[in-house]
Amino acid sequence: MYTILFDLKKEYYFNALWPLYLQMAKDSRYYCKFRVGADHKRVLGLFLIKQKKAIEAKLREKGLENREWQ
């Protein structure tokens, strides 16, 4: 079994990787995992706020469990 890691350092990567994940998850030869990055959002041009929780919430909406995250 091959382990495939989908690295989501930026939120917009999710839209490109989601169809690929769906196809690979159907095949029993692959075990797919997601790694969620911080994906900072700049506020007032000075402060960086992590968006990791928002990305994880989107993964939950899609039906992925915590065991599929890293």
C-alpha atoms as a PDB file:
ATOM      1  CA  MET A   1       0.000   0.000   0.000  1.00  0.00           C
ATOM      2  CA  TYR A   2       1.284   3.437  -0.927  1.00  0.00           C
ATOM      3  CA  THR A   3       0.745   6.399   1.372  1.00  0.00           C
ATOM      4  CA  ILE A   4      -0.064   9.613  -0.491  1.00  0.00           C
ATOM      5  CA  LEU A   5       0.349  12.900   1.368  1.00  0.00           C
ATOM      6  CA  PHE A   6      -1.619  15.905   0.135  1.00  0.00           C
ATOM      7  CA  ASP A   7       0.136  18.996   1.489  1.00  0.00           C
ATOM      8  CA  LEU A   8      -2.255  21.937   1.941  1.00  0.00           C
ATOM      9  CA  LYS A   9       0.044  24.829   2.743  1.00  0.00           C
ATOM     10  CA  LYS A  10      -2.364  27.254   1.106  1.00  0.00           C
ATOM     11  CA  GLU A  11      -6.153  27.031   1.128  1.00  0.00           C
ATOM     12  CA  TYR A  12      -6.468  27.283  -2.653  1.00  0.00           C
ATOM     13  CA  TYR A  13      -4.487  24.038  -3.062  1.00  0.00           C
ATOM     14  CA  PHE A  14      -7.519  22.181  -1.690  1.00  0.00           C
ATOM     15  CA  ASN A  15      -9.656  22.859  -4.781  1.00  0.00           C
ATOM     16  CA  ALA A  16      -6.996  21.402  -7.069  1.00  0.00           C
ATOM     17  CA  LEU A  17      -6.245  18.364  -4.909  1.00  0.00           C
ATOM     18  CA  TRP A  18      -9.794  17.346  -3.954  1.00  0.00           C
ATOM     19  CA  PRO A  19     -10.727  15.605  -7.272  1.00  0.00           C
ATOM     20  CA  LEU A  20      -7.396  13.781  -7.263  1.00  0.00           C
ATOM     21  CA  TYR A  21      -7.986  12.650  -3.678  1.00  0.00           C
ATOM     22  CA  LEU A  22     -11.438  11.306  -4.542  1.00  0.00           C
ATOM     23  CA  GLN A  23     -10.043   9.161  -7.356  1.00  0.00           C
ATOM     24  CA  MET A  24      -7.107   7.854  -5.346  1.00  0.00           C
ATOM     25  CA  ALA A  25      -9.241   7.104  -2.275  1.00  0.00           C
ATOM     26  CA  LYS A  26     -11.339   4.695  -4.355  1.00  0.00           C
ATOM     27  CA  ASP A  27      -8.255   2.592  -5.135  1.00  0.00           C
ATOM     28  CA  SER A  28      -7.313   0.196  -2.324  1.00  0.00           C
ATOM     29  CA  ARG A  29      -3.614   0.464  -3.220  1.00  0.00           C
ATOM     30  CA  TYR A  30      -3.441   4.003  -1.829  1.00  0.00           C
ATOM     31  CA  TYR A  31      -3.804   5.386   1.672  1.00  0.00           C
ATOM     32  CA  CYS A  32      -4.358   9.149   1.414  1.00  0.00           C
ATOM     33  CA  LYS A  33      -3.567  11.713   4.106  1.00  0.00           C
ATOM     34  CA  PHE A  34      -3.750  15.503   4.285  1.00  0.00           C
ATOM     35  CA  ARG A  35      -1.208  17.788   5.957  1.00  0.00           C
ATOM     36  CA  VAL A  36      -2.705  21.168   6.787  1.00  0.00           C
ATOM     37  CA  GLY A  37      -0.412  24.178   6.888  1.00  0.00           C
ATOM     38  CA  ALA A  38      -0.912  27.476   8.712  1.00  0.00           C
ATOM     39  CA  ASP A  39      -1.832  29.501   5.578  1.00  0.00           C
ATOM     40  CA  HIS A  40      -1.433  32.919   7.144  1.00  0.00           C
ATOM     41  CA  LYS A  41      -3.757  35.780   6.327  1.00  0.00           C
ATOM     42  CA  ARG A  42      -2.431  39.313   6.646  1.00  0.00           C
ATOM     43  CA  VAL A  43      -4.607  41.793   8.574  1.00  0.00           C
ATOM     44  CA  LEU A  44      -3.992  45.542   8.457  1.00  0.00           C
ATOM     45  CA  GLY A  45      -0.784  44.876   6.590  1.00  0.00           C
ATOM     46  CA  LEU A  46       1.004  43.971   9.822  1.00  0.00           C
ATOM     47  CA  PHE A  47      -0.446  40.934  11.545  1.00  0.00           C
ATOM     48  CA  LEU A  48      -0.451  37.363  10.315  1.00  0.00           C
ATOM     49  CA  ILE A  49      -3.371  35.167  11.387  1.00  0.00           C
ATOM     50  CA  LYS A  50      -3.280  31.407  10.889  1.00  0.00           C
ATOM     51  CA  GLN A  51      -6.085  29.910   8.786  1.00  0.00           C
ATOM     52  CA  LYS A  52      -5.375  26.276   9.752  1.00  0.00           C
ATOM     53  CA  LYS A  53      -8.635  25.862  11.698  1.00  0.00           C
ATOM     54  CA  ALA A  54     -10.689  27.098   8.723  1.00  0.00           C
ATOM     55  CA  ILE A  55      -8.995  24.622   6.391  1.00  0.00           C
ATOM     56  CA  GLU A  56      -9.595  21.804   8.875  1.00  0.00           C
ATOM     57  CA  ALA A  57     -13.264  22.797   9.068  1.00  0.00           C
ATOM     58  CA  LYS A  58     -13.533  22.490   5.280  1.00  0.00           C
ATOM     59  CA  LEU A  59     -12.021  19.012   5.477  1.00  0.00           C
ATOM     60  CA  ARG A  60     -14.639  18.044   8.076  1.00  0.00           C
ATOM     61  CA  GLU A  61     -17.399  19.384   5.793  1.00  0.00           C
ATOM     62  CA  LYS A  62     -16.097  17.149   3.007  1.00  0.00           C
ATOM     63  CA  GLY A  63     -16.352  14.140   5.324  1.00  0.00           C
ATOM     64  CA  LEU A  64     -12.686  13.624   6.150  1.00  0.00           C
ATOM     65  CA  GLU A  65     -11.813  12.518   9.659  1.00  0.00           C
ATOM     66  CA  ASN A  66      -8.870  13.576  11.827  1.00  0.00           C
ATOM     67  CA  ARG A  67      -7.122  10.247  11.204  1.00  0.00           C
ATOM     68  CA  GLU A  68      -6.651  11.328   7.585  1.00  0.00           C
ATOM     69  CA  TRP A  69      -4.803  14.485   8.672  1.00  0.00           C
ATOM     70  CA  GLN A  70      -1.246  14.846   9.768  1.00  0.00           C
END
